[in-house]
Amino acid sequence: AATITSGGSTNYADSVKGRFTISRDGAKNTVYLQMN
């Protein structure tokens, strides 16, 4: 569905592009997937 590299580059499947967003929070050591 989505990926994020250590450098912050993101990639999305065509089926979710524009609707999903992958992000990260270093303080919480957590990666998120916001799905709209």
PDB file of all heavy atoms in Angstrom:
ATOM      1  N   ALA A   1       0.816  -1.202   0.000  1.00  0.00           N
ATOM      2  CA  ALA A   1       0.000   0.000   0.000  1.00  0.00           C
ATOM      3  C   ALA A   1       0.855   1.259   0.000  1.00  0.00           C
ATOM      4  O   ALA A   1       0.609   2.184  -0.778  1.00  0.00           O
ATOM      5  CB  ALA A   1      -0.950   0.010   1.198  1.00  0.00           C
ATOM      6  N   ALA A   2       1.843   1.310   0.873  1.00  0.00           N
ATOM      7  CA  ALA A   2       2.681   2.496   0.991  1.00  0.00           C
ATOM      8  C   ALA A   2       3.996   2.151   1.650  1.00  0.00           C
ATOM      9  O   ALA A   2       4.062   1.245   2.489  1.00  0.00           O
ATOM     10  CB  ALA A   2       1.966   3.588   1.792  1.00  0.00           C
ATOM     11  N   THR A   3       5.047   2.875   1.283  1.00  0.00           N
ATOM     12  CA  THR A   3       6.358   2.693   1.895  1.00  0.00           C
ATOM     13  C   THR A   3       6.991   4.044   2.184  1.00  0.00           C
ATOM     14  O   THR A   3       6.657   5.047   1.560  1.00  0.00           O
ATOM     15  CB  THR A   3       7.320   1.887   1.004  1.00  0.00           C
ATOM     16  OG1 THR A   3       7.517   2.579  -0.233  1.00  0.00           O
ATOM     17  CG2 THR A   3       6.787   0.489   0.734  1.00  0.00           C
ATOM     18  N   ILE A   4       7.914   4.033   3.129  1.00  0.00           N
ATOM     19  CA  ILE A   4       8.715   5.212   3.418  1.00  0.00           C
ATOM     20  C   ILE A   4      10.129   4.746   3.726  1.00  0.00           C
ATOM     21  O   ILE A   4      10.338   3.816   4.507  1.00  0.00           O
ATOM     22  CB  ILE A   4       8.116   6.038   4.583  1.00  0.00           C
ATOM     23  CG1 ILE A   4       8.926   7.322   4.788  1.00  0.00           C
ATOM     24  CG2 ILE A   4       8.027   5.223   5.865  1.00  0.00           C
ATOM     25  CD1 ILE A   4       8.229   8.334   5.695  1.00  0.00           C
ATOM     26  N   THR A   5      11.107   5.373   3.096  1.00  0.00           N
ATOM     27  CA  THR A   5      12.496   5.010   3.312  1.00  0.00           C
ATOM     28  C   THR A   5      13.059   5.754   4.505  1.00  0.00           C
ATOM     29  O   THR A   5      12.442   6.664   5.049  1.00  0.00           O
ATOM     30  CB  THR A   5      13.343   5.327   2.070  1.00  0.00           C
ATOM     31  OG1 THR A   5      13.432   6.754   1.910  1.00  0.00           O
ATOM     32  CG2 THR A   5      12.734   4.718   0.819  1.00  0.00           C
ATOM     33  N   SER A   6      14.261   5.367   4.907  1.00  0.00           N
ATOM     34  CA  SER A   6      14.915   6.037   6.028  1.00  0.00           C
ATOM     35  C   SER A   6      15.147   7.512   5.735  1.00  0.00           C
ATOM     36  O   SER A   6      15.190   8.328   6.657  1.00  0.00           O
ATOM     37  CB  SER A   6      16.250   5.352   6.350  1.00  0.00           C
ATOM     38  OG  SER A   6      17.130   5.381   5.238  1.00  0.00           O
ATOM     39  N   GLY A   7      15.277   7.844   4.454  1.00  0.00           N
ATOM     40  CA  GLY A   7      15.467   9.222   4.058  1.00  0.00           C
ATOM     41  C   GLY A   7      14.188  10.019   3.924  1.00  0.00           C
ATOM     42  O   GLY A   7      14.232  11.227   3.688  1.00  0.00           O
ATOM     43  N   GLY A   8      13.048   9.353   4.059  1.00  0.00           N
ATOM     44  CA  GLY A   8      11.775  10.040   4.015  1.00  0.00           C
ATOM     45  C   GLY A   8      11.035   9.965   2.691  1.00  0.00           C
ATOM     46  O   GLY A   8       9.944  10.527   2.565  1.00  0.00           O
ATOM     47  N   SER A   9      11.608   9.301   1.701  1.00  0.00           N
ATOM     48  CA  SER A   9      10.929   9.156   0.424  1.00  0.00           C
ATOM     49  C   SER A   9       9.745   8.210   0.565  1.00  0.00           C
ATOM     50  O   SER A   9       9.838   7.181   1.232  1.00  0.00           O
ATOM     51  CB  SER A   9      11.883   8.630  -0.639  1.00  0.00           C
ATOM     52  OG  SER A   9      12.951   9.532  -0.859  1.00  0.00           O
ATOM     53  N   THR A  10       8.639   8.551  -0.073  1.00  0.00           N
ATOM     54  CA  THR A  10       7.427   7.746   0.026  1.00  0.00           C
ATOM     55  C   THR A  10       7.012   7.202  -1.330  1.00  0.00           C
ATOM     56  O   THR A  10       7.341   7.769  -2.378  1.00  0.00           O
ATOM     57  CB  THR A  10       6.270   8.549   0.622  1.00  0.00           C
ATOM     58  OG1 THR A  10       6.023   9.708  -0.193  1.00  0.00           O
ATOM     59  CG2 THR A  10       6.604   9.007   2.037  1.00  0.00           C
ATOM     60  N   ASN A  11       6.280   6.113  -1.284  1.00  0.00           N
ATOM     61  CA  ASN A  11       5.758   5.488  -2.485  1.00  0.00           C
ATOM     62  C   ASN A  11       4.407   4.879  -2.155  1.00  0.00           C
ATOM     63  O   ASN A  11       4.209   4.339  -1.066  1.00  0.00           O
ATOM     64  CB  ASN A  11       6.718   4.418  -3.004  1.00  0.00           C
ATOM     65  CG  ASN A  11       6.311   3.887  -4.365  1.00  0.00           C
ATOM     66  OD1 ASN A  11       5.903   4.644  -5.232  1.00  0.00           O
ATOM     67  ND2 ASN A  11       6.442   2.581  -4.559  1.00  0.00           N
ATOM     68  N   TYR A  12       3.472   4.976  -3.107  1.00  0.00           N
ATOM     69  CA  TYR A  12       2.119   4.498  -2.878  1.00  0.00           C
ATOM     70  C   TYR A  12       1.632   3.653  -4.035  1.00  0.00           C
ATOM     71  O   TYR A  12       1.989   3.881  -5.192  1.00  0.00           O
ATOM     72  CB  TYR A  12       1.147   5.664  -2.703  1.00  0.00           C
ATOM     73  CG  TYR A  12       1.462   6.569  -1.537  1.00  0.00           C
ATOM     74  CD1 TYR A  12       2.263   7.692  -1.702  1.00  0.00           C
ATOM     75  CD2 TYR A  12       0.957   6.296  -0.274  1.00  0.00           C
ATOM     76  CE1 TYR A  12       2.556   8.524  -0.638  1.00  0.00           C
ATOM     77  CE2 TYR A  12       1.239   7.117   0.797  1.00  0.00           C
ATOM     78  CZ  TYR A  12       2.039   8.233   0.615  1.00  0.00           C
ATOM     79  OH  TYR A  12       2.323   9.053   1.679  1.00  0.00           O
ATOM     80  N   ALA A  13       0.799   2.688  -3.704  1.00  0.00           N
ATOM     81  CA  ALA A  13       0.112   1.939  -4.739  1.00  0.00           C
ATOM     82  C   ALA A  13      -0.877   2.863  -5.444  1.00  0.00           C
ATOM     83  O   ALA A  13      -1.433   3.776  -4.832  1.00  0.00           O
ATOM     84  CB  ALA A  13      -0.622   0.748  -4.137  1.00  0.00           C
ATOM     85  N   ASP A  14      -1.091   2.625  -6.725  1.00  0.00           N
ATOM     86  CA  ASP A  14      -2.013   3.463  -7.481  1.00  0.00           C
ATOM     87  C   ASP A  14      -3.414   3.474  -6.867  1.00  0.00           C
ATOM     88  O   ASP A  14      -4.118   4.486  -6.930  1.00  0.00           O
ATOM     89  CB  ASP A  14      -2.093   2.987  -8.931  1.00  0.00           C
ATOM     90  CG  ASP A  14      -0.827   3.271  -9.714  1.00  0.00           C
ATOM     91  OD1 ASP A  14      -0.052   4.154  -9.298  1.00  0.00           O
ATOM     92  OD2 ASP A  14      -0.613   2.614 -10.740  1.00  0.00           O
ATOM     93  N   SER A  15      -3.806   2.371  -6.277  1.00  0.00           N
ATOM     94  CA  SER A  15      -5.143   2.250  -5.727  1.00  0.00           C
ATOM     95  C   SER A  15      -5.381   3.130  -4.501  1.00  0.00           C
ATOM     96  O   SER A  15      -6.532   3.409  -4.163  1.00  0.00           O
ATOM     97  CB  SER A  15      -5.438   0.789  -5.375  1.00  0.00           C
ATOM     98  OG  SER A  15      -4.492   0.293  -4.444  1.00  0.00           O
ATOM     99  N   VAL A  16      -4.311   3.567  -3.843  1.00  0.00           N
ATOM    100  CA  VAL A  16      -4.460   4.378  -2.635  1.00  0.00           C
ATOM    101  C   VAL A  16      -3.884   5.770  -2.785  1.00  0.00           C
ATOM    102  O   VAL A  16      -4.069   6.615  -1.897  1.00  0.00           O
ATOM    103  CB  VAL A  16      -3.824   3.691  -1.407  1.00  0.00           C
ATOM    104  CG1 VAL A  16      -4.325   2.264  -1.260  1.00  0.00           C
ATOM    105  CG2 VAL A  16      -2.296   3.718  -1.503  1.00  0.00           C
ATOM    106  N   LYS A  17      -3.204   6.034  -3.865  1.00  0.00           N
ATOM    107  CA  LYS A  17      -2.558   7.322  -4.076  1.00  0.00           C
ATOM    108  C   LYS A  17      -3.580   8.457  -4.029  1.00  0.00           C
ATOM    109  O   LYS A  17      -4.633   8.383  -4.654  1.00  0.00           O
ATOM    110  CB  LYS A  17      -1.820   7.319  -5.409  1.00  0.00           C
ATOM    111  CG  LYS A  17      -0.886   8.500  -5.615  1.00  0.00           C
ATOM    112  CD  LYS A  17      -0.060   8.327  -6.890  1.00  0.00           C
ATOM    113  CE  LYS A  17       0.842   7.111  -6.803  1.00  0.00           C
ATOM    114  NZ  LYS A  17       1.702   6.968  -8.012  1.00  0.00           N
ATOM    115  N   GLY A  18      -3.253   9.482  -3.268  1.00  0.00           N
ATOM    116  CA  GLY A  18      -4.143  10.613  -3.110  1.00  0.00           C
ATOM    117  C   GLY A  18      -5.101  10.476  -1.947  1.00  0.00           C
ATOM    118  O   GLY A  18      -5.729  11.460  -1.545  1.00  0.00           O
ATOM    119  N   ARG A  19      -5.229   9.267  -1.419  1.00  0.00           N
ATOM    120  CA  ARG A  19      -6.130   9.025  -0.297  1.00  0.00           C
ATOM    121  C   ARG A  19      -5.386   8.629   0.974  1.00  0.00           C
ATOM    122  O   ARG A  19      -5.820   8.965   2.075  1.00  0.00           O
ATOM    123  CB  ARG A  19      -7.143   7.933  -0.646  1.00  0.00           C
ATOM    124  CG  ARG A  19      -8.022   8.278  -1.844  1.00  0.00           C
ATOM    125  CD  ARG A  19      -9.117   7.228  -2.046  1.00  0.00           C
ATOM    126  NE  ARG A  19      -8.567   5.911  -2.322  1.00  0.00           N
ATOM    127  CZ  ARG A  19      -8.742   4.837  -1.544  1.00  0.00           C
ATOM    128  NH1 ARG A  19      -9.469   4.937  -0.440  1.00  0.00           N
ATOM    129  NH2 ARG A  19      -8.212   3.675  -1.887  1.00  0.00           N
ATOM    130  N   PHE A  20      -4.283   7.911   0.814  1.00  0.00           N
ATOM    131  CA  PHE A  20      -3.502   7.442   1.955  1.00  0.00           C
ATOM    132  C   PHE A  20      -2.217   8.248   2.073  1.00  0.00           C
ATOM    133  O   PHE A  20      -1.640   8.672   1.067  1.00  0.00           O
ATOM    134  CB  PHE A  20      -3.132   5.964   1.799  1.00  0.00           C
ATOM    135  CG  PHE A  20      -4.278   5.001   1.934  1.00  0.00           C
ATOM    136  CD1 PHE A  20      -5.599   5.434   1.932  1.00  0.00           C
ATOM    137  CD2 PHE A  20      -4.019   3.647   2.065  1.00  0.00           C
ATOM    138  CE1 PHE A  20      -6.648   4.539   2.053  1.00  0.00           C
ATOM    139  CE2 PHE A  20      -5.057   2.742   2.189  1.00  0.00           C
ATOM    140  CZ  PHE A  20      -6.370   3.178   2.183  1.00  0.00           C
ATOM    141  N   THR A  21      -1.755   8.433   3.298  1.00  0.00           N
ATOM    142  CA  THR A  21      -0.499   9.111   3.558  1.00  0.00           C
ATOM    143  C   THR A  21       0.288   8.356   4.616  1.00  0.00           C
ATOM    144  O   THR A  21      -0.230   8.091   5.703  1.00  0.00           O
ATOM    145  CB  THR A  21      -0.724  10.559   4.035  1.00  0.00           C
ATOM    146  OG1 THR A  21      -1.478  11.284   3.057  1.00  0.00           O
ATOM    147  CG2 THR A  21       0.620  11.259   4.239  1.00  0.00           C
ATOM    148  N   ILE A  22       1.523   8.014   4.304  1.00  0.00           N
ATOM    149  CA  ILE A  22       2.394   7.368   5.269  1.00  0.00           C
ATOM    150  C   ILE A  22       3.302   8.429   5.883  1.00  0.00           C
ATOM    151  O   ILE A  22       3.810   9.301   5.186  1.00  0.00           O
ATOM    152  CB  ILE A  22       3.211   6.223   4.628  1.00  0.00           C
ATOM    153  CG1 ILE A  22       3.979   5.435   5.694  1.00  0.00           C
ATOM    154  CG2 ILE A  22       4.148   6.740   3.547  1.00  0.00           C
ATOM    155  CD1 ILE A  22       4.603   4.151   5.166  1.00  0.00           C
ATOM    156  N   SER A  23       3.492   8.362   7.181  1.00  0.00           N
ATOM    157  CA  SER A  23       4.316   9.335   7.884  1.00  0.00           C
ATOM    158  C   SER A  23       4.956   8.675   9.095  1.00  0.00           C
ATOM    159  O   SER A  23       4.677   7.514   9.402  1.00  0.00           O
ATOM    160  CB  SER A  23       3.487  10.555   8.302  1.00  0.00           C
ATOM    161  OG  SER A  23       2.462  10.183   9.206  1.00  0.00           O
ATOM    162  N   ARG A  24       5.796   9.422   9.787  1.00  0.00           N
ATOM    163  CA  ARG A  24       6.496   8.861  10.941  1.00  0.00           C
ATOM    164  C   ARG A  24       6.696   9.901  12.018  1.00  0.00           C
ATOM    165  O   ARG A  24       6.726  11.110  11.758  1.00  0.00           O
ATOM    166  CB  ARG A  24       7.849   8.276  10.510  1.00  0.00           C
ATOM    167  CG  ARG A  24       8.758   9.297   9.840  1.00  0.00           C
ATOM    168  CD  ARG A  24       9.978   8.636   9.238  1.00  0.00           C
ATOM    169  NE  ARG A  24      10.823   9.608   8.550  1.00  0.00           N
ATOM    170  CZ  ARG A  24      11.937   9.315   7.915  1.00  0.00           C
ATOM    171  NH1 ARG A  24      12.358   8.052   7.868  1.00  0.00           N
ATOM    172  NH2 ARG A  24      12.641  10.266   7.314  1.00  0.00           N
ATOM    173  N   ASP A  25       6.845   9.427  13.242  1.00  0.00           N
ATOM    174  CA  ASP A  25       7.082  10.270  14.406  1.00  0.00           C
ATOM    175  C   ASP A  25       8.271   9.678  15.143  1.00  0.00           C
ATOM    176  O   ASP A  25       8.149   8.630  15.786  1.00  0.00           O
ATOM    177  CB  ASP A  25       5.850  10.325  15.299  1.00  0.00           C
ATOM    178  CG  ASP A  25       5.999  11.295  16.454  1.00  0.00           C
ATOM    179  OD1 ASP A  25       7.128  11.534  16.908  1.00  0.00           O
ATOM    180  OD2 ASP A  25       4.971  11.821  16.912  1.00  0.00           O
ATOM    181  N   GLY A  26       9.414  10.336  15.050  1.00  0.00           N
ATOM    182  CA  GLY A  26      10.616   9.819  15.676  1.00  0.00           C
ATOM    183  C   GLY A  26      10.527   9.752  17.191  1.00  0.00           C
ATOM    184  O   GLY A  26      11.059   8.824  17.807  1.00  0.00           O
ATOM    185  N   ALA A  27       9.861  10.725  17.803  1.00  0.00           N
ATOM    186  CA  ALA A  27       9.738  10.754  19.254  1.00  0.00           C
ATOM    187  C   ALA A  27       8.984   9.540  19.771  1.00  0.00           C
ATOM    188  O   ALA A  27       9.262   9.041  20.861  1.00  0.00           O
ATOM    189  CB  ALA A  27       9.058  12.037  19.703  1.00  0.00           C
ATOM    190  N   LYS A  28       8.022   9.075  19.000  1.00  0.00           N
ATOM    191  CA  LYS A  28       7.234   7.913  19.394  1.00  0.00           C
ATOM    192  C   LYS A  28       7.710   6.632  18.727  1.00  0.00           C
ATOM    193  O   LYS A  28       7.168   5.559  19.007  1.00  0.00           O
ATOM    194  CB  LYS A  28       5.763   8.148  19.066  1.00  0.00           C
ATOM    195  CG  LYS A  28       5.142   9.308  19.822  1.00  0.00           C
ATOM    196  CD  LYS A  28       3.669   9.455  19.480  1.00  0.00           C
ATOM    197  CE  LYS A  28       3.038  10.583  20.271  1.00  0.00           C
ATOM    198  NZ  LYS A  28       1.594  10.735  19.956  1.00  0.00           N
ATOM    199  N   ASN A  29       8.713   6.754  17.855  1.00  0.00           N
ATOM    200  CA  ASN A  29       9.232   5.608  17.108  1.00  0.00           C
ATOM    201  C   ASN A  29       8.091   4.859  16.421  1.00  0.00           C
ATOM    202  O   ASN A  29       8.000   3.627  16.479  1.00  0.00           O
ATOM    203  CB  ASN A  29      10.018   4.660  18.018  1.00  0.00           C
ATOM    204  CG  ASN A  29      11.188   4.007  17.292  1.00  0.00           C
ATOM    205  OD1 ASN A  29      11.877   4.651  16.500  1.00  0.00           O
ATOM    206  ND2 ASN A  29      11.418   2.725  17.553  1.00  0.00           N
ATOM    207  N   THR A  30       7.247   5.619  15.758  1.00  0.00           N
ATOM    208  CA  THR A  30       6.023   5.089  15.189  1.00  0.00           C
ATOM    209  C   THR A  30       5.844   5.552  13.748  1.00  0.00           C
ATOM    210  O   THR A  30       6.162   6.696  13.408  1.00  0.00           O
ATOM    211  CB  THR A  30       4.809   5.528  16.018  1.00  0.00           C
ATOM    212  OG1 THR A  30       4.920   4.988  17.338  1.00  0.00           O
ATOM    213  CG2 THR A  30       3.505   5.058  15.394  1.00  0.00           C
ATOM    214  N   VAL A  31       5.349   4.658  12.926  1.00  0.00           N
ATOM    215  CA  VAL A  31       4.986   4.965  11.555  1.00  0.00           C
ATOM    216  C   VAL A  31       3.472   4.903  11.442  1.00  0.00           C
ATOM    217  O   VAL A  31       2.844   3.997  11.989  1.00  0.00           O
ATOM    218  CB  VAL A  31       5.645   3.989  10.565  1.00  0.00           C
ATOM    219  CG1 VAL A  31       5.144   4.235   9.146  1.00  0.00           C
ATOM    220  CG2 VAL A  31       7.155   4.140  10.613  1.00  0.00           C
ATOM    221  N   TYR A  32       2.894   5.855  10.723  1.00  0.00           N
ATOM    222  CA  TYR A  32       1.455   5.952  10.602  1.00  0.00           C
ATOM    223  C   TYR A  32       1.006   5.752   9.159  1.00  0.00           C
ATOM    224  O   TYR A  32       1.743   5.987   8.213  1.00  0.00           O
ATOM    225  CB  TYR A  32       0.957   7.323  11.068  1.00  0.00           C
ATOM    226  CG  TYR A  32       1.319   7.669  12.482  1.00  0.00           C
ATOM    227  CD1 TYR A  32       2.420   8.468  12.760  1.00  0.00           C
ATOM    228  CD2 TYR A  32       0.558   7.197  13.549  1.00  0.00           C
ATOM    229  CE1 TYR A  32       2.755   8.793  14.064  1.00  0.00           C
ATOM    230  CE2 TYR A  32       0.882   7.516  14.850  1.00  0.00           C
ATOM    231  CZ  TYR A  32       1.986   8.316  15.102  1.00  0.00           C
ATOM    232  OH  TYR A  32       2.315   8.637  16.388  1.00  0.00           O
ATOM    233  N   LEU A  33      -0.223   5.338   9.015  1.00  0.00           N
ATOM    234  CA  LEU A  33      -0.877   5.325   7.718  1.00  0.00           C
ATOM    235  C   LEU A  33      -2.223   6.015   7.883  1.00  0.00           C
ATOM    236  O   LEU A  33      -3.149   5.446   8.461  1.00  0.00           O
ATOM    237  CB  LEU A  33      -1.069   3.900   7.189  1.00  0.00           C
ATOM    238  CG  LEU A  33      -1.664   3.814   5.782  1.00  0.00           C
ATOM    239  CD1 LEU A  33      -0.687   4.376   4.754  1.00  0.00           C
ATOM    240  CD2 LEU A  33      -2.039   2.381   5.427  1.00  0.00           C
ATOM    241  N   GLN A  34      -2.304   7.243   7.399  1.00  0.00           N
ATOM    242  CA  GLN A  34      -3.556   7.985   7.429  1.00  0.00           C
ATOM    243  C   GLN A  34      -4.366   7.600   6.203  1.00  0.00           C
ATOM    244  O   GLN A  34      -3.902   7.770   5.074  1.00  0.00           O
ATOM    245  CB  GLN A  34      -3.290   9.489   7.440  1.00  0.00           C
ATOM    246  CG  GLN A  34      -4.547  10.345   7.431  1.00  0.00           C
ATOM    247  CD  GLN A  34      -5.358  10.206   8.698  1.00  0.00           C
ATOM    248  OE1 GLN A  34      -4.808  10.243   9.791  1.00  0.00           O
ATOM    249  NE2 GLN A  34      -6.666  10.032   8.549  1.00  0.00           N
ATOM    250  N   MET A  35      -5.555   7.099   6.413  1.00  0.00           N
ATOM    251  CA  MET A  35      -6.407   6.628   5.334  1.00  0.00           C
ATOM    252  C   MET A  35      -7.663   7.484   5.280  1.00  0.00           C
ATOM    253  O   MET A  35      -8.451   7.503   6.227  1.00  0.00           O
ATOM    254  CB  MET A  35      -6.765   5.156   5.535  1.00  0.00           C
ATOM    255  CG  MET A  35      -5.552   4.246   5.685  1.00  0.00           C
ATOM    256  SD  MET A  35      -6.006   2.490   5.828  1.00  0.00           S
ATOM    257  CE  MET A  35      -6.867   2.523   7.409  1.00  0.00           C
ATOM    258  N   ASN A  36      -7.836   8.191   4.185  1.00  0.00           N
ATOM    259  CA  ASN A  36      -8.994   9.040   3.976  1.00  0.00           C
ATOM    260  C   ASN A  36      -9.814   8.532   2.797  1.00  0.00           C
ATOM    261  O   ASN A  36      -9.338   7.765   1.970  1.00  0.00           O
ATOM    262  CB  ASN A  36      -8.565  10.489   3.722  1.00  0.00           C
ATOM    263  CG  ASN A  36      -7.814  11.101   4.879  1.00  0.00           C
ATOM    264  OD1 ASN A  36      -8.095  10.811   6.036  1.00  0.00           O
ATOM    265  ND2 ASN A  36      -6.858  11.971   4.568  1.00  0.00           N
TER     266      ASN A  36
END
